Amino acid sequence: TWIRTGNQLGFYHYSAKSHGMDSLAAGFLGPLEKLEIKDVIAQ
């Protein structure tokens, strides 16, 4: 996927070991940044 809302969408560090993500954003995704989707979960 490619980011449509650059510099607006916060992302979070994710731990595969704990299957969880940090509660604080690590930064913002840049315009048209390309992401490879590995999983979709509920949290």
PDB file of all heavy atoms in Angstrom:
ATOM      1  N   THR A   1       0.856  -1.186   0.000  1.00  0.00           N
ATOM      2  CA  THR A   1       0.000   0.000   0.000  1.00  0.00           C
ATOM      3  C   THR A   1       0.892   1.235   0.000  1.00  0.00           C
ATOM      4  O   THR A   1       2.067   1.173   0.364  1.00  0.00           O
ATOM      5  CB  THR A   1      -0.926   0.043   1.226  1.00  0.00           C
ATOM      6  OG1 THR A   1      -0.122   0.166   2.416  1.00  0.00           O
ATOM      7  CG2 THR A   1      -1.777  -1.216   1.326  1.00  0.00           C
ATOM      8  N   TRP A   2       0.314   2.354  -0.397  1.00  0.00           N
ATOM      9  CA  TRP A   2       1.033   3.625  -0.426  1.00  0.00           C
ATOM     10  C   TRP A   2       0.247   4.645   0.387  1.00  0.00           C
ATOM     11  O   TRP A   2      -0.972   4.735   0.274  1.00  0.00           O
ATOM     12  CB  TRP A   2       1.197   4.112  -1.867  1.00  0.00           C
ATOM     13  CG  TRP A   2       2.174   3.317  -2.662  1.00  0.00           C
ATOM     14  CD1 TRP A   2       3.477   3.636  -2.944  1.00  0.00           C
ATOM     15  CD2 TRP A   2       1.939   2.042  -3.301  1.00  0.00           C
ATOM     16  NE1 TRP A   2       4.062   2.656  -3.709  1.00  0.00           N
ATOM     17  CE2 TRP A   2       3.146   1.663  -3.939  1.00  0.00           C
ATOM     18  CE3 TRP A   2       0.836   1.197  -3.378  1.00  0.00           C
ATOM     19  CZ2 TRP A   2       3.270   0.471  -4.653  1.00  0.00           C
ATOM     20  CZ3 TRP A   2       0.956   0.001  -4.077  1.00  0.00           C
ATOM     21  CH2 TRP A   2       2.155  -0.343  -4.706  1.00  0.00           C
ATOM     22  N   ILE A   3       0.957   5.412   1.205  1.00  0.00           N
ATOM     23  CA  ILE A   3       0.300   6.355   2.110  1.00  0.00           C
ATOM     24  C   ILE A   3      -0.336   7.501   1.329  1.00  0.00           C
ATOM     25  O   ILE A   3       0.318   8.190   0.549  1.00  0.00           O
ATOM     26  CB  ILE A   3       1.295   6.915   3.139  1.00  0.00           C
ATOM     27  CG1 ILE A   3       1.783   5.795   4.046  1.00  0.00           C
ATOM     28  CG2 ILE A   3       0.650   8.026   3.969  1.00  0.00           C
ATOM     29  CD1 ILE A   3       0.682   5.121   4.839  1.00  0.00           C
ATOM     30  N   ARG A   4      -1.609   7.693   1.566  1.00  0.00           N
ATOM     31  CA  ARG A   4      -2.386   8.733   0.889  1.00  0.00           C
ATOM     32  C   ARG A   4      -2.390  10.029   1.688  1.00  0.00           C
ATOM     33  O   ARG A   4      -2.541  11.117   1.121  1.00  0.00           O
ATOM     34  CB  ARG A   4      -3.814   8.217   0.689  1.00  0.00           C
ATOM     35  CG  ARG A   4      -4.657   9.002  -0.267  1.00  0.00           C
ATOM     36  CD  ARG A   4      -5.930   8.237  -0.599  1.00  0.00           C
ATOM     37  NE  ARG A   4      -6.665   8.854  -1.679  1.00  0.00           N
ATOM     38  CZ  ARG A   4      -7.536   8.218  -2.443  1.00  0.00           C
ATOM     39  NH1 ARG A   4      -7.795   6.942  -2.238  1.00  0.00           N
ATOM     40  NH2 ARG A   4      -8.164   8.858  -3.409  1.00  0.00           N
ATOM     41  N   THR A   5      -2.286   9.919   3.002  1.00  0.00           N
ATOM     42  CA  THR A   5      -2.350  11.087   3.901  1.00  0.00           C
ATOM     43  C   THR A   5      -0.981  11.306   4.531  1.00  0.00           C
ATOM     44  O   THR A   5      -0.789  11.086   5.728  1.00  0.00           O
ATOM     45  CB  THR A   5      -3.424  10.880   4.984  1.00  0.00           C
ATOM     46  OG1 THR A   5      -3.191   9.612   5.634  1.00  0.00           O
ATOM     47  CG2 THR A   5      -4.809  10.875   4.381  1.00  0.00           C
ATOM     48  N   GLY A   6      -0.032  11.741   3.733  1.00  0.00           N
ATOM     49  CA  GLY A   6       1.337  11.915   4.212  1.00  0.00           C
ATOM     50  C   GLY A   6       1.469  12.971   5.283  1.00  0.00           C
ATOM     51  O   GLY A   6       0.824  14.017   5.235  1.00  0.00           O
ATOM     52  N   ASN A   7       2.318  12.669   6.285  1.00  0.00           N
ATOM     53  CA  ASN A   7       2.599  13.571   7.396  1.00  0.00           C
ATOM     54  C   ASN A   7       1.391  13.835   8.288  1.00  0.00           C
ATOM     55  O   ASN A   7       1.351  14.821   9.016  1.00  0.00           O
ATOM     56  CB  ASN A   7       3.167  14.912   6.891  1.00  0.00           C
ATOM     57  CG  ASN A   7       4.588  14.769   6.390  1.00  0.00           C
ATOM     58  OD1 ASN A   7       5.390  14.052   6.992  1.00  0.00           O
ATOM     59  ND2 ASN A   7       4.912  15.424   5.287  1.00  0.00           N
ATOM     60  N   GLN A   8       0.414  12.932   8.225  1.00  0.00           N
ATOM     61  CA  GLN A   8      -0.745  13.026   9.117  1.00  0.00           C
ATOM     62  C   GLN A   8      -0.954  11.756   9.924  1.00  0.00           C
ATOM     63  O   GLN A   8      -1.523  11.811  11.008  1.00  0.00           O
ATOM     64  CB  GLN A   8      -2.021  13.298   8.309  1.00  0.00           C
ATOM     65  CG  GLN A   8      -2.243  14.744   7.930  1.00  0.00           C
ATOM     66  CD  GLN A   8      -3.671  15.002   7.498  1.00  0.00           C
ATOM     67  OE1 GLN A   8      -4.347  14.115   6.979  1.00  0.00           O
ATOM     68  NE2 GLN A   8      -4.145  16.204   7.710  1.00  0.00           N
ATOM     69  N   LEU A   9      -0.506  10.642   9.405  1.00  0.00           N
ATOM     70  CA  LEU A   9      -0.841   9.343   9.978  1.00  0.00           C
ATOM     71  C   LEU A   9       0.286   8.845  10.878  1.00  0.00           C
ATOM     72  O   LEU A   9       1.390   8.547  10.408  1.00  0.00           O
ATOM     73  CB  LEU A   9      -1.102   8.335   8.849  1.00  0.00           C
ATOM     74  CG  LEU A   9      -1.730   7.004   9.229  1.00  0.00           C
ATOM     75  CD1 LEU A   9      -3.108   7.209   9.864  1.00  0.00           C
ATOM     76  CD2 LEU A   9      -1.844   6.111   8.001  1.00  0.00           C
ATOM     77  N   GLY A  10      -0.001   8.749  12.193  1.00  0.00           N
ATOM     78  CA  GLY A  10       0.999   8.265  13.135  1.00  0.00           C
ATOM     79  C   GLY A  10       1.157   6.754  13.065  1.00  0.00           C
ATOM     80  O   GLY A  10       0.187   6.029  12.819  1.00  0.00           O
ATOM     81  N   PHE A  11       2.393   6.267  13.274  1.00  0.00           N
ATOM     82  CA  PHE A  11       2.621   4.826  13.321  1.00  0.00           C
ATOM     83  C   PHE A  11       3.268   4.458  14.657  1.00  0.00           C
ATOM     84  O   PHE A  11       3.804   5.313  15.374  1.00  0.00           O
ATOM     85  CB  PHE A  11       3.486   4.365  12.141  1.00  0.00           C
ATOM     86  CG  PHE A  11       4.931   4.802  12.222  1.00  0.00           C
ATOM     87  CD1 PHE A  11       5.897   3.972  12.775  1.00  0.00           C
ATOM     88  CD2 PHE A  11       5.332   6.041  11.731  1.00  0.00           C
ATOM     89  CE1 PHE A  11       7.227   4.361  12.850  1.00  0.00           C
ATOM     90  CE2 PHE A  11       6.658   6.449  11.805  1.00  0.00           C
ATOM     91  CZ  PHE A  11       7.607   5.605  12.359  1.00  0.00           C
ATOM     92  N   TYR A  12       3.214   3.164  14.980  1.00  0.00           N
ATOM     93  CA  TYR A  12       3.657   2.684  16.292  1.00  0.00           C
ATOM     94  C   TYR A  12       4.582   1.484  16.115  1.00  0.00           C
ATOM     95  O   TYR A  12       4.404   0.673  15.197  1.00  0.00           O
ATOM     96  CB  TYR A  12       2.435   2.263  17.124  1.00  0.00           C
ATOM     97  CG  TYR A  12       1.425   3.373  17.328  1.00  0.00           C
ATOM     98  CD1 TYR A  12       0.520   3.720  16.313  1.00  0.00           C
ATOM     99  CD2 TYR A  12       1.363   4.072  18.524  1.00  0.00           C
ATOM    100  CE1 TYR A  12      -0.403   4.739  16.494  1.00  0.00           C
ATOM    101  CE2 TYR A  12       0.436   5.088  18.707  1.00  0.00           C
ATOM    102  CZ  TYR A  12      -0.438   5.415  17.696  1.00  0.00           C
ATOM    103  OH  TYR A  12      -1.349   6.431  17.868  1.00  0.00           O
ATOM    104  N   HIS A  13       5.562   1.383  16.996  1.00  0.00           N
ATOM    105  CA  HIS A  13       6.422   0.203  16.993  1.00  0.00           C
ATOM    106  C   HIS A  13       5.587  -1.013  17.402  1.00  0.00           C
ATOM    107  O   HIS A  13       4.730  -0.928  18.283  1.00  0.00           O
ATOM    108  CB  HIS A  13       7.602   0.384  17.945  1.00  0.00           C
ATOM    109  CG  HIS A  13       8.578   1.427  17.493  1.00  0.00           C
ATOM    110  ND1 HIS A  13       9.060   1.479  16.205  1.00  0.00           N
ATOM    111  CD2 HIS A  13       9.173   2.457  18.171  1.00  0.00           C
ATOM    112  CE1 HIS A  13       9.902   2.503  16.091  1.00  0.00           C
ATOM    113  NE2 HIS A  13       9.977   3.103  17.260  1.00  0.00           N
ATOM    114  N   TYR A  14       5.878  -2.142  16.755  1.00  0.00           N
ATOM    115  CA  TYR A  14       5.128  -3.368  17.004  1.00  0.00           C
ATOM    116  C   TYR A  14       6.093  -4.484  17.382  1.00  0.00           C
ATOM    117  O   TYR A  14       7.170  -4.623  16.796  1.00  0.00           O
ATOM    118  CB  TYR A  14       4.348  -3.779  15.749  1.00  0.00           C
ATOM    119  CG  TYR A  14       3.592  -5.076  15.878  1.00  0.00           C
ATOM    120  CD1 TYR A  14       2.367  -5.127  16.531  1.00  0.00           C
ATOM    121  CD2 TYR A  14       4.112  -6.261  15.355  1.00  0.00           C
ATOM    122  CE1 TYR A  14       1.668  -6.323  16.651  1.00  0.00           C
ATOM    123  CE2 TYR A  14       3.432  -7.459  15.468  1.00  0.00           C
ATOM    124  CZ  TYR A  14       2.207  -7.486  16.119  1.00  0.00           C
ATOM    125  OH  TYR A  14       1.520  -8.674  16.246  1.00  0.00           O
ATOM    126  N   SER A  15       5.707  -5.270  18.388  1.00  0.00           N
ATOM    127  CA  SER A  15       6.520  -6.400  18.844  1.00  0.00           C
ATOM    128  C   SER A  15       5.861  -7.704  18.419  1.00  0.00           C
ATOM    129  O   SER A  15       4.751  -8.019  18.862  1.00  0.00           O
ATOM    130  CB  SER A  15       6.682  -6.369  20.370  1.00  0.00           C
ATOM    131  OG  SER A  15       7.294  -7.563  20.810  1.00  0.00           O
ATOM    132  N   ALA A  16       6.543  -8.440  17.538  1.00  0.00           N
ATOM    133  CA  ALA A  16       6.001  -9.732  17.106  1.00  0.00           C
ATOM    134  C   ALA A  16       5.986 -10.721  18.267  1.00  0.00           C
ATOM    135  O   ALA A  16       5.134 -11.620  18.313  1.00  0.00           O
ATOM    136  CB  ALA A  16       6.835 -10.273  15.949  1.00  0.00           C
ATOM    137  N   LYS A  17       6.912 -10.559  19.217  1.00  0.00           N
ATOM    138  CA  LYS A  17       7.001 -11.484  20.342  1.00  0.00           C
ATOM    139  C   LYS A  17       5.779 -11.350  21.255  1.00  0.00           C
ATOM    140  O   LYS A  17       5.191 -12.348  21.676  1.00  0.00           O
ATOM    141  CB  LYS A  17       8.286 -11.217  21.147  1.00  0.00           C
ATOM    142  CG  LYS A  17       8.510 -12.189  22.283  1.00  0.00           C
ATOM    143  CD  LYS A  17       9.828 -11.906  22.990  1.00  0.00           C
ATOM    144  CE  LYS A  17      11.007 -12.165  22.061  1.00  0.00           C
ATOM    145  NZ  LYS A  17      12.303 -12.023  22.784  1.00  0.00           N
ATOM    146  N   SER A  18       5.388 -10.124  21.549  1.00  0.00           N
ATOM    147  CA  SER A  18       4.239  -9.902  22.438  1.00  0.00           C
ATOM    148  C   SER A  18       2.932  -9.707  21.672  1.00  0.00           C
ATOM    149  O   SER A  18       1.867  -9.608  22.284  1.00  0.00           O
ATOM    150  CB  SER A  18       4.496  -8.677  23.317  1.00  0.00           C
ATOM    151  OG  SER A  18       4.582  -7.507  22.526  1.00  0.00           O
ATOM    152  N   HIS A  19       3.037  -9.638  20.364  1.00  0.00           N
ATOM    153  CA  HIS A  19       1.865  -9.384  19.512  1.00  0.00           C
ATOM    154  C   HIS A  19       1.135  -8.117  19.947  1.00  0.00           C
ATOM    155  O   HIS A  19      -0.089  -8.066  19.998  1.00  0.00           O
ATOM    156  CB  HIS A  19       0.893 -10.568  19.537  1.00  0.00           C
ATOM    157  CG  HIS A  19       1.488 -11.831  18.999  1.00  0.00           C
ATOM    158  ND1 HIS A  19       1.705 -12.059  17.663  1.00  0.00           N
ATOM    159  CD2 HIS A  19       1.934 -12.939  19.657  1.00  0.00           C
ATOM    160  CE1 HIS A  19       2.256 -13.252  17.509  1.00  0.00           C
ATOM    161  NE2 HIS A  19       2.406 -13.814  18.695  1.00  0.00           N
ATOM    162  N   GLY A  20       1.914  -7.087  20.245  1.00  0.00           N
ATOM    163  CA  GLY A  20       1.327  -5.825  20.680  1.00  0.00           C
ATOM    164  C   GLY A  20       2.125  -4.641  20.165  1.00  0.00           C
ATOM    165  O   GLY A  20       3.258  -4.781  19.689  1.00  0.00           O
ATOM    166  N   MET A  21       1.539  -3.471  20.273  1.00  0.00           N
ATOM    167  CA  MET A  21       2.179  -2.247  19.798  1.00  0.00           C
ATOM    168  C   MET A  21       2.308  -1.248  20.933  1.00  0.00           C
ATOM    169  O   MET A  21       1.584  -1.305  21.935  1.00  0.00           O
ATOM    170  CB  MET A  21       1.352  -1.638  18.665  1.00  0.00           C
ATOM    171  CG  MET A  21      -0.090  -1.362  19.038  1.00  0.00           C
ATOM    172  SD  MET A  21      -1.118  -0.904  17.624  1.00  0.00           S
ATOM    173  CE  MET A  21      -0.634   0.788  17.391  1.00  0.00           C
ATOM    174  N   ASP A  22       3.273  -0.345  20.786  1.00  0.00           N
ATOM    175  CA  ASP A  22       3.455   0.706  21.773  1.00  0.00           C
ATOM    176  C   ASP A  22       2.219   1.603  21.813  1.00  0.00           C
ATOM    177  O   ASP A  22       1.470   1.705  20.832  1.00  0.00           O
ATOM    178  CB  ASP A  22       4.677   1.550  21.434  1.00  0.00           C
ATOM    179  CG  ASP A  22       5.985   0.770  21.577  1.00  0.00           C
ATOM    180  OD1 ASP A  22       5.942  -0.340  22.152  1.00  0.00           O
ATOM    181  OD2 ASP A  22       7.019   1.267  21.088  1.00  0.00           O
ATOM    182  N   SER A  23       2.049   2.265  22.939  1.00  0.00           N
ATOM    183  CA  SER A  23       0.907   3.168  23.070  1.00  0.00           C
ATOM    184  C   SER A  23       1.216   4.571  22.576  1.00  0.00           C
ATOM    185  O   SER A  23       0.297   5.377  22.354  1.00  0.00           O
ATOM    186  CB  SER A  23       0.451   3.240  24.531  1.00  0.00           C
ATOM    187  OG  SER A  23       1.508   3.698  25.359  1.00  0.00           O
ATOM    188  N   LEU A  24       2.494   4.880  22.386  1.00  0.00           N
ATOM    189  CA  LEU A  24       2.901   6.196  21.908  1.00  0.00           C
ATOM    190  C   LEU A  24       3.397   6.096  20.473  1.00  0.00           C
ATOM    191  O   LEU A  24       4.148   5.174  20.122  1.00  0.00           O
ATOM    192  CB  LEU A  24       3.997   6.786  22.799  1.00  0.00           C
ATOM    193  CG  LEU A  24       3.607   7.067  24.258  1.00  0.00           C
ATOM    194  CD1 LEU A  24       4.809   7.593  25.033  1.00  0.00           C
ATOM    195  CD2 LEU A  24       2.450   8.064  24.322  1.00  0.00           C
ATOM    196  N   ALA A  25       3.000   7.046  19.646  1.00  0.00           N
ATOM    197  CA  ALA A  25       3.407   7.032  18.242  1.00  0.00           C
ATOM    198  C   ALA A  25       4.909   7.241  18.115  1.00  0.00           C
ATOM    199  O   ALA A  25       5.507   8.038  18.836  1.00  0.00           O
ATOM    200  CB  ALA A  25       2.659   8.103  17.471  1.00  0.00           C
ATOM    201  N   ALA A  26       5.502   6.512  17.174  1.00  0.00           N
ATOM    202  CA  ALA A  26       6.942   6.631  16.927  1.00  0.00           C
ATOM    203  C   ALA A  26       7.240   7.716  15.903  1.00  0.00           C
ATOM    204  O   ALA A  26       8.391   8.131  15.760  1.00  0.00           O
ATOM    205  CB  ALA A  26       7.488   5.294  16.441  1.00  0.00           C
ATOM    206  N   GLY A  27       6.244   8.168  15.191  1.00  0.00           N
ATOM    207  CA  GLY A  27       6.432   9.187  14.165  1.00  0.00           C
ATOM    208  C   GLY A  27       5.244   9.203  13.221  1.00  0.00           C
ATOM    209  O   GLY A  27       4.199   8.618  13.514  1.00  0.00           O
ATOM    210  N   PHE A  28       5.432   9.879  12.084  1.00  0.00           N
ATOM    211  CA  PHE A  28       4.369  10.000  11.097  1.00  0.00           C
ATOM    212  C   PHE A  28       4.840   9.451   9.759  1.00  0.00           C
ATOM    213  O   PHE A  28       6.000   9.620   9.385  1.00  0.00           O
ATOM    214  CB  PHE A  28       3.941  11.470  10.946  1.00  0.00           C
ATOM    215  CG  PHE A  28       3.314  12.040  12.182  1.00  0.00           C
ATOM    216  CD1 PHE A  28       4.097  12.579  13.193  1.00  0.00           C
ATOM    217  CD2 PHE A  28       1.939  12.024  12.351  1.00  0.00           C
ATOM    218  CE1 PHE A  28       3.525  13.099  14.348  1.00  0.00           C
ATOM    219  CE2 PHE A  28       1.353  12.542  13.499  1.00  0.00           C
ATOM    220  CZ  PHE A  28       2.144  13.075  14.502  1.00  0.00           C
ATOM    221  N   LEU A  29       3.931   8.795   9.068  1.00  0.00           N
ATOM    222  CA  LEU A  29       4.261   8.199   7.780  1.00  0.00           C
ATOM    223  C   LEU A  29       4.289   9.272   6.695  1.00  0.00           C
ATOM    224  O   LEU A  29       3.425  10.149   6.651  1.00  0.00           O
ATOM    225  CB  LEU A  29       3.259   7.104   7.427  1.00  0.00           C
ATOM    226  CG  LEU A  29       3.325   5.892   8.370  1.00  0.00           C
ATOM    227  CD1 LEU A  29       2.106   4.997   8.175  1.00  0.00           C
ATOM    228  CD2 LEU A  29       4.608   5.095   8.145  1.00  0.00           C
ATOM    229  N   GLY A  30       5.295   9.191   5.837  1.00  0.00           N
ATOM    230  CA  GLY A  30       5.503  10.208   4.824  1.00  0.00           C
ATOM    231  C   GLY A  30       4.593  10.054   3.615  1.00  0.00           C
ATOM    232  O   GLY A  30       3.966   9.009   3.404  1.00  0.00           O
ATOM    233  N   PRO A  31       4.503  11.088   2.784  1.00  0.00           N
ATOM    234  CA  PRO A  31       3.645  11.044   1.606  1.00  0.00           C
ATOM    235  C   PRO A  31       4.076   9.962   0.623  1.00  0.00           C
ATOM    236  O   PRO A  31       5.256   9.829   0.295  1.00  0.00           O
ATOM    237  CB  PRO A  31       3.800  12.440   0.990  1.00  0.00           C
ATOM    238  CG  PRO A  31       5.062  12.995   1.580  1.00  0.00           C
ATOM    239  CD  PRO A  31       5.202  12.386   2.924  1.00  0.00           C
ATOM    240  N   LEU A  32       3.111   9.154   0.192  1.00  0.00           N
ATOM    241  CA  LEU A  32       3.304   8.051  -0.754  1.00  0.00           C
ATOM    242  C   LEU A  32       4.315   7.020  -0.266  1.00  0.00           C
ATOM    243  O   LEU A  32       4.856   6.255  -1.071  1.00  0.00           O
ATOM    244  CB  LEU A  32       3.720   8.566  -2.132  1.00  0.00           C
ATOM    245  CG  LEU A  32       2.723   9.440  -2.876  1.00  0.00           C
ATOM    246  CD1 LEU A  32       3.114   9.550  -4.342  1.00  0.00           C
ATOM    247  CD2 LEU A  32       1.298   8.947  -2.761  1.00  0.00           C
ATOM    248  N   GLU A  33       4.539   6.963   1.037  1.00  0.00           N
ATOM    249  CA  GLU A  33       5.460   5.950   1.569  1.00  0.00           C
ATOM    250  C   GLU A  33       4.864   4.559   1.327  1.00  0.00           C
ATOM    251  O   GLU A  33       3.686   4.318   1.576  1.00  0.00           O
ATOM    252  CB  GLU A  33       5.689   6.177   3.061  1.00  0.00           C
ATOM    253  CG  GLU A  33       6.786   5.298   3.624  1.00  0.00           C
ATOM    254  CD  GLU A  33       7.243   5.729   5.010  1.00  0.00           C
ATOM    255  OE1 GLU A  33       6.762   6.772   5.508  1.00  0.00           O
ATOM    256  OE2 GLU A  33       8.078   5.019   5.590  1.00  0.00           O
ATOM    257  N   LYS A  34       5.711   3.647   0.846  1.00  0.00           N
ATOM    258  CA  LYS A  34       5.250   2.303   0.514  1.00  0.00           C
ATOM    259  C   LYS A  34       5.367   1.386   1.724  1.00  0.00           C
ATOM    260  O   LYS A  34       6.419   1.317   2.368  1.00  0.00           O
ATOM    261  CB  LYS A  34       6.074   1.737  -0.649  1.00  0.00           C
ATOM    262  CG  LYS A  34       5.608   0.372  -1.124  1.00  0.00           C
ATOM    263  CD  LYS A  34       6.465  -0.107  -2.294  1.00  0.00           C
ATOM    264  CE  LYS A  34       6.026  -1.483  -2.771  1.00  0.00           C
ATOM    265  NZ  LYS A  34       6.863  -1.960  -3.919  1.00  0.00           N
ATOM    266  N   LEU A  35       4.268   0.677   2.029  1.00  0.00           N
ATOM    267  CA  LEU A  35       4.240  -0.253   3.154  1.00  0.00           C
ATOM    268  C   LEU A  35       3.914  -1.649   2.636  1.00  0.00           C
ATOM    269  O   LEU A  35       3.095  -1.807   1.724  1.00  0.00           O
ATOM    270  CB  LEU A  35       3.170   0.160   4.181  1.00  0.00           C
ATOM    271  CG  LEU A  35       3.130   1.614   4.648  1.00  0.00           C
ATOM    272  CD1 LEU A  35       2.004   1.781   5.674  1.00  0.00           C
ATOM    273  CD2 LEU A  35       4.458   2.051   5.225  1.00  0.00           C
ATOM    274  N   GLU A  36       4.520  -2.655   3.253  1.00  0.00           N
ATOM    275  CA  GLU A  36       4.172  -4.050   2.983  1.00  0.00           C
ATOM    276  C   GLU A  36       3.366  -4.553   4.182  1.00  0.00           C
ATOM    277  O   GLU A  36       3.886  -4.615   5.304  1.00  0.00           O
ATOM    278  CB  GLU A  36       5.431  -4.898   2.785  1.00  0.00           C
ATOM    279  CG  GLU A  36       6.285  -4.507   1.592  1.00  0.00           C
ATOM    280  CD  GLU A  36       5.653  -4.882   0.262  1.00  0.00           C
ATOM    281  OE1 GLU A  36       4.718  -5.725   0.266  1.00  0.00           O
ATOM    282  OE2 GLU A  36       6.084  -4.342  -0.768  1.00  0.00           O
ATOM    283  N   ILE A  37       2.109  -4.880   3.964  1.00  0.00           N
ATOM    284  CA  ILE A  37       1.228  -5.286   5.060  1.00  0.00           C
ATOM    285  C   ILE A  37       1.501  -6.747   5.423  1.00  0.00           C
ATOM    286  O   ILE A  37       1.366  -7.646   4.584  1.00  0.00           O
ATOM    287  CB  ILE A  37      -0.250  -5.096   4.693  1.00  0.00           C
ATOM    288  CG1 ILE A  37      -0.496  -3.661   4.208  1.00  0.00           C
ATOM    289  CG2 ILE A  37      -1.134  -5.419   5.898  1.00  0.00           C
ATOM    290  CD1 ILE A  37      -0.170  -2.582   5.211  1.00  0.00           C
ATOM    291  N   LYS A  38       1.855  -6.984   6.681  1.00  0.00           N
ATOM    292  CA  LYS A  38       2.215  -8.316   7.153  1.00  0.00           C
ATOM    293  C   LYS A  38       1.081  -8.996   7.919  1.00  0.00           C
ATOM    294  O   LYS A  38       0.986 -10.220   7.949  1.00  0.00           O
ATOM    295  CB  LYS A  38       3.455  -8.229   8.057  1.00  0.00           C
ATOM    296  CG  LYS A  38       4.684  -7.640   7.366  1.00  0.00           C
ATOM    297  CD  LYS A  38       5.106  -8.482   6.176  1.00  0.00           C
ATOM    298  CE  LYS A  38       6.348  -7.923   5.500  1.00  0.00           C
ATOM    299  NZ  LYS A  38       6.745  -8.724   4.312  1.00  0.00           N
ATOM    300  N   ASP A  39       0.251  -8.196   8.576  1.00  0.00           N
ATOM    301  CA  ASP A  39      -0.836  -8.777   9.358  1.00  0.00           C
ATOM    302  C   ASP A  39      -1.881  -7.710   9.644  1.00  0.00           C
ATOM    303  O   ASP A  39      -1.596  -6.501   9.546  1.00  0.00           O
ATOM    304  CB  ASP A  39      -0.299  -9.355  10.677  1.00  0.00           C
ATOM    305  CG  ASP A  39      -1.224 -10.399  11.291  1.00  0.00           C
ATOM    306  OD1 ASP A  39      -2.293 -10.673  10.691  1.00  0.00           O
ATOM    307  OD2 ASP A  39      -0.884 -10.939  12.356  1.00  0.00           O
ATOM    308  N   VAL A  40      -3.080  -8.135   9.977  1.00  0.00           N
ATOM    309  CA  VAL A  40      -4.153  -7.235  10.412  1.00  0.00           C
ATOM    310  C   VAL A  40      -4.750  -7.829  11.682  1.00  0.00           C
ATOM    311  O   VAL A  40      -5.205  -8.980  11.680  1.00  0.00           O
ATOM    312  CB  VAL A  40      -5.242  -7.066   9.336  1.00  0.00           C
ATOM    313  CG1 VAL A  40      -6.405  -6.237   9.876  1.00  0.00           C
ATOM    314  CG2 VAL A  40      -4.663  -6.400   8.089  1.00  0.00           C
ATOM    315  N   ILE A  41      -4.716  -7.063  12.782  1.00  0.00           N
ATOM    316  CA  ILE A  41      -5.142  -7.559  14.090  1.00  0.00           C
ATOM    317  C   ILE A  41      -6.065  -6.551  14.758  1.00  0.00           C
ATOM    318  O   ILE A  41      -6.210  -5.414  14.291  1.00  0.00           O
ATOM    319  CB  ILE A  41      -3.923  -7.824  15.007  1.00  0.00           C
ATOM    320  CG1 ILE A  41      -3.172  -6.504  15.263  1.00  0.00           C
ATOM    321  CG2 ILE A  41      -2.992  -8.861  14.390  1.00  0.00           C
ATOM    322  CD1 ILE A  41      -2.045  -6.625  16.293  1.00  0.00           C
ATOM    323  N   ALA A  42      -6.684  -6.973  15.854  1.00  0.00           N
ATOM    324  CA  ALA A  42      -7.482  -6.072  16.694  1.00  0.00           C
ATOM    325  C   ALA A  42      -6.737  -5.844  17.997  1.00  0.00           C
ATOM    326  O   ALA A  42      -6.175  -6.786  18.574  1.00  0.00           O
ATOM    327  CB  ALA A  42      -8.855  -6.665  16.961  1.00  0.00           C
ATOM    328  N   GLN A  43      -6.711  -4.616  18.459  1.00  0.00           N
ATOM    329  CA  GLN A  43      -6.018  -4.294  19.707  1.00  0.00           C
ATOM    330  C   GLN A  43      -6.608  -3.037  20.312  1.00  0.00           C
ATOM    331  O   GLN A  43      -7.063  -2.130  19.591  1.00  0.00           O
ATOM    332  CB  GLN A  43      -4.516  -4.089  19.450  1.00  0.00           C
ATOM    333  CG  GLN A  43      -3.738  -3.767  20.730  1.00  0.00           C
ATOM    334  CD  GLN A  43      -2.243  -3.715  20.480  1.00  0.00           C
ATOM    335  OE1 GLN A  43      -1.706  -4.516  19.716  1.00  0.00           O
ATOM    336  NE2 GLN A  43      -1.569  -2.775  21.118  1.00  0.00           N
TER     337      GLN A  43
END
